[in-house]
Amino acid sequence: MAFLATDGVEQSELTEPWKAVEQAGGTPRLISLEAGEIQGFEHLDKGERFAVDETVANASAEDYDGLVLPGGVANPDRLRTDKDAISFVRAFFEQAKPAAAICHGPWTLVEADVVRGRTLTSWPSLKTDLRNAGATWVDEEVHVDEGLVTSRKPDDLEAFCAKVVEEIAEGEHAAQRESVSTG
């Protein structure tokens, strides 16, 4: 299971789904923009540092069963400006693999152009961005749309983690591929 994150990641949105994947028998791996470590945050305060397993430039979606995009404001803002990160995210949708994003994580999905025609949730400030990208935004604890799991905030992590594990166990979703814009 690929977890794509960089400095500024909301720590609990990385660690809680990570633990859920491990407890379900999966092997999470941290993919990031650069080798070394990334800096987690607990809201606006620095948290722990996390070792990167692989850089996104060297990673392939083919090697993973699914993707998790944790939030934090700085994390997805940096990811969405990196062409390798966007290609990596898009590849999960092209391969019909489950994906999950929480809080500000959907910003990266917007940049990958994979939300058109989808229904999802996020931190409320992303509502307009998601609608402008062709998505339907809903204010729900967790929402699943053909293998795409989204949640609003850290308070939703219990429901988010349960749905992430469930969707990974289900495997590929044919409709996931259909959400990828062709132009």
Protein backbone atom coordinates (compact mmCIF):
# COMPACT_ATOMS: atom_id res chain seq x y z
CA MET A 1 0.00 0.00 0.00
CA ALA A 2 1.51 3.31 -1.09
CA PHE A 3 1.25 6.34 1.19
CA LEU A 4 2.23 9.45 -0.77
CA ALA A 5 3.27 12.32 1.50
CA THR A 6 5.92 14.96 2.04
CA ASP A 7 6.85 17.58 4.65
CA GLY A 8 3.79 19.10 6.27
CA VAL A 9 1.73 15.89 6.35
CA GLU A 10 -0.91 15.80 9.09
CA GLN A 11 0.69 13.16 11.29
CA SER A 12 -2.44 11.32 12.45
CA GLU A 13 -3.69 11.13 8.85
CA LEU A 14 -0.50 9.25 8.00
CA THR A 15 -0.06 7.09 11.10
CA GLU A 16 -3.64 5.94 11.74
CA PRO A 17 -4.35 4.57 8.22
CA TRP A 18 -0.81 3.12 8.23
CA LYS A 19 -1.61 1.15 11.42
CA ALA A 20 -4.97 0.03 9.99
CA VAL A 21 -3.28 -1.32 6.86
CA GLU A 22 -0.67 -3.14 8.95
CA GLN A 23 -3.33 -4.61 11.25
CA ALA A 24 -5.19 -5.89 8.18
CA GLY A 25 -2.03 -7.69 7.02
CA GLY A 26 -0.90 -5.11 4.47
CA THR A 27 2.54 -3.60 3.97
CA PRO A 28 2.46 0.21 3.89
CA ARG A 29 5.32 2.09 2.25
CA LEU A 30 6.04 5.81 2.41
CA ILE A 31 6.55 7.37 -1.00
CA SER A 32 7.77 10.97 -1.10
CA LEU A 33 9.37 13.63 -3.27
CA GLU A 34 12.87 13.10 -1.87
CA ALA A 35 14.79 10.36 -0.07
CA GLY A 36 15.42 10.64 3.65
CA GLU A 37 12.69 11.69 6.04
CA ILE A 38 9.59 13.85 5.98
CA GLN A 39 8.34 16.13 8.74
CA GLY A 40 4.93 15.35 10.20
CA PHE A 41 2.75 17.99 11.83
CA GLU A 42 0.09 17.91 14.49
CA HIS A 43 -2.00 20.71 13.04
CA LEU A 44 0.45 23.66 13.09
CA ASP A 45 3.04 22.12 15.44
CA LYS A 46 5.95 19.97 14.31
CA GLY A 47 5.45 16.32 15.07
CA GLU A 48 7.54 13.25 14.31
CA ARG A 49 9.77 12.58 11.32
CA PHE A 50 9.09 9.56 9.09
CA ALA A 51 11.53 7.57 6.97
CA VAL A 52 10.84 7.54 3.24
CA ASP A 53 10.82 4.09 1.62
CA GLU A 54 10.96 5.22 -2.00
CA THR A 55 10.94 8.43 -4.02
CA VAL A 56 7.94 9.06 -6.22
CA ALA A 57 10.25 9.46 -9.24
CA ASN A 58 11.26 5.80 -8.79
CA ALA A 59 7.89 4.43 -7.66
CA SER A 60 5.39 2.61 -9.86
CA ALA A 61 1.69 2.24 -9.10
CA GLU A 62 1.94 -1.28 -10.53
CA ASP A 63 3.86 -2.29 -7.39
CA TYR A 64 1.06 -1.32 -4.99
CA ASP A 65 -2.49 -2.49 -4.22
CA GLY A 66 -3.73 1.00 -3.46
CA LEU A 67 -2.92 4.59 -2.55
CA VAL A 68 -3.47 6.76 0.52
CA LEU A 69 -3.13 10.55 0.36
CA PRO A 70 -2.97 12.00 3.88
CA GLY A 71 -3.75 15.67 4.37
CA GLY A 72 -2.23 18.60 6.12
CA VAL A 73 -2.21 21.86 4.16
CA ALA A 74 1.45 22.01 3.07
CA ASN A 75 1.72 18.32 2.14
CA PRO A 76 -0.79 18.15 -0.76
CA ASP A 77 0.09 21.68 -1.83
CA ARG A 78 3.67 20.54 -2.46
CA LEU A 79 2.64 17.21 -4.00
CA ARG A 80 0.29 18.79 -6.53
CA THR A 81 3.14 20.82 -8.02
CA ASP A 82 5.33 17.76 -8.65
CA LYS A 83 4.85 16.08 -12.06
CA ASP A 84 6.05 12.68 -10.80
CA ALA A 85 3.60 12.77 -7.89
CA ILE A 86 0.72 13.66 -10.20
CA SER A 87 1.64 10.89 -12.66
CA PHE A 88 1.90 8.41 -9.77
CA VAL A 89 -1.55 9.35 -8.44
CA ARG A 90 -3.13 9.25 -11.88
CA ALA A 91 -1.68 5.78 -12.53
CA PHE A 92 -3.73 4.30 -9.66
CA PHE A 93 -6.91 5.48 -11.37
CA GLU A 94 -5.75 4.31 -14.81
CA GLN A 95 -5.08 0.87 -13.27
CA ALA A 96 -8.46 0.85 -11.45
CA LYS A 97 -6.83 0.54 -8.03
CA PRO A 98 -8.38 1.79 -4.79
CA ALA A 99 -7.34 5.24 -3.60
CA ALA A 100 -8.06 7.24 -0.47
CA ALA A 101 -7.62 10.89 0.48
CA ILE A 102 -8.43 12.73 3.68
CA CYS A 103 -8.70 16.39 4.63
CA HIS A 104 -6.63 18.44 2.12
CA GLY A 105 -5.42 15.26 0.35
CA PRO A 106 -7.96 15.64 -2.50
CA TRP A 107 -6.04 18.68 -3.78
CA THR A 108 -3.63 16.20 -5.33
CA LEU A 109 -6.55 14.36 -6.95
CA VAL A 110 -7.75 17.62 -8.48
CA GLU A 111 -4.34 18.22 -10.03
CA ALA A 112 -4.26 14.63 -11.35
CA ASP A 113 -7.64 15.34 -13.02
CA VAL A 114 -9.33 12.25 -11.60
CA VAL A 115 -12.32 13.73 -9.73
CA ARG A 116 -14.55 14.72 -12.66
CA GLY A 117 -17.93 13.00 -12.26
CA ARG A 118 -17.03 11.65 -8.80
CA THR A 119 -18.64 12.36 -5.44
CA LEU A 120 -16.27 12.99 -2.57
CA THR A 121 -15.70 14.85 0.65
CA SER A 122 -12.75 16.80 2.04
CA TRP A 123 -11.83 19.60 4.38
CA PRO A 124 -14.57 22.19 3.67
CA SER A 125 -12.19 24.76 2.15
CA LEU A 126 -11.59 22.41 -0.82
CA LYS A 127 -15.29 22.29 -1.75
CA THR A 128 -15.02 24.95 -4.46
CA ASP A 129 -11.81 23.49 -5.91
CA LEU A 130 -13.43 20.06 -6.14
CA ARG A 131 -16.61 21.41 -7.72
CA ASN A 132 -14.58 23.44 -10.22
CA ALA A 133 -12.75 20.21 -11.13
CA GLY A 134 -16.08 18.51 -11.92
CA ALA A 135 -16.73 16.65 -8.66
CA THR A 136 -19.79 16.64 -6.44
CA TRP A 137 -18.79 17.59 -2.89
CA VAL A 138 -20.63 16.16 0.14
CA ASP A 139 -20.23 16.89 3.83
CA GLU A 140 -19.90 13.34 5.19
CA GLU A 141 -17.62 11.58 7.67
CA VAL A 142 -16.50 9.21 4.93
CA HIS A 143 -17.64 8.76 1.34
CA VAL A 144 -16.82 5.93 -1.05
CA ASP A 145 -17.21 6.32 -4.81
CA GLU A 146 -16.12 3.27 -6.82
CA GLY A 147 -12.95 2.59 -4.88
CA LEU A 148 -12.20 6.21 -3.97
CA VAL A 149 -12.44 6.77 -0.20
CA THR A 150 -12.52 10.33 1.12
CA SER A 151 -12.96 11.91 4.55
CA ARG A 152 -13.03 15.46 5.92
CA LYS A 153 -10.66 15.65 8.90
CA PRO A 154 -8.72 13.83 11.63
CA ASP A 155 -11.91 13.34 13.66
CA ASP A 156 -13.13 11.07 10.81
CA LEU A 157 -10.10 8.77 10.91
CA GLU A 158 -11.85 5.76 12.46
CA ALA A 159 -14.42 5.60 9.64
CA PHE A 160 -11.79 6.50 7.02
CA CYS A 161 -9.41 3.73 8.11
CA ALA A 162 -12.18 1.12 8.11
CA LYS A 163 -13.23 2.03 4.56
CA VAL A 164 -9.61 2.15 3.33
CA VAL A 165 -9.06 -1.42 4.52
CA GLU A 166 -12.40 -2.53 3.06
CA GLU A 167 -11.70 -1.03 -0.39
CA ILE A 168 -8.17 -2.45 -0.54
CA ALA A 169 -9.57 -5.88 0.30
CA GLU A 170 -12.08 -5.54 -2.56
CA GLY A 171 -9.28 -4.82 -5.04
CA GLU A 172 -9.68 -3.20 -8.44
CA HIS A 173 -12.73 -1.14 -9.38
CA ALA A 174 -13.51 -0.94 -13.09
CA ALA A 175 -15.30 2.40 -12.67
CA GLN A 176 -12.13 3.86 -11.14
CA ARG A 177 -10.55 3.81 -14.61
CA GLU A 178 -13.58 5.58 -16.09
CA SER A 179 -13.01 8.63 -13.85
CA VAL A 180 -9.72 9.50 -15.51
CA SER A 181 -10.21 12.44 -17.82
CA THR A 182 -9.04 11.91 -21.35
CA GLY A 183 -8.31 15.48 -22.08
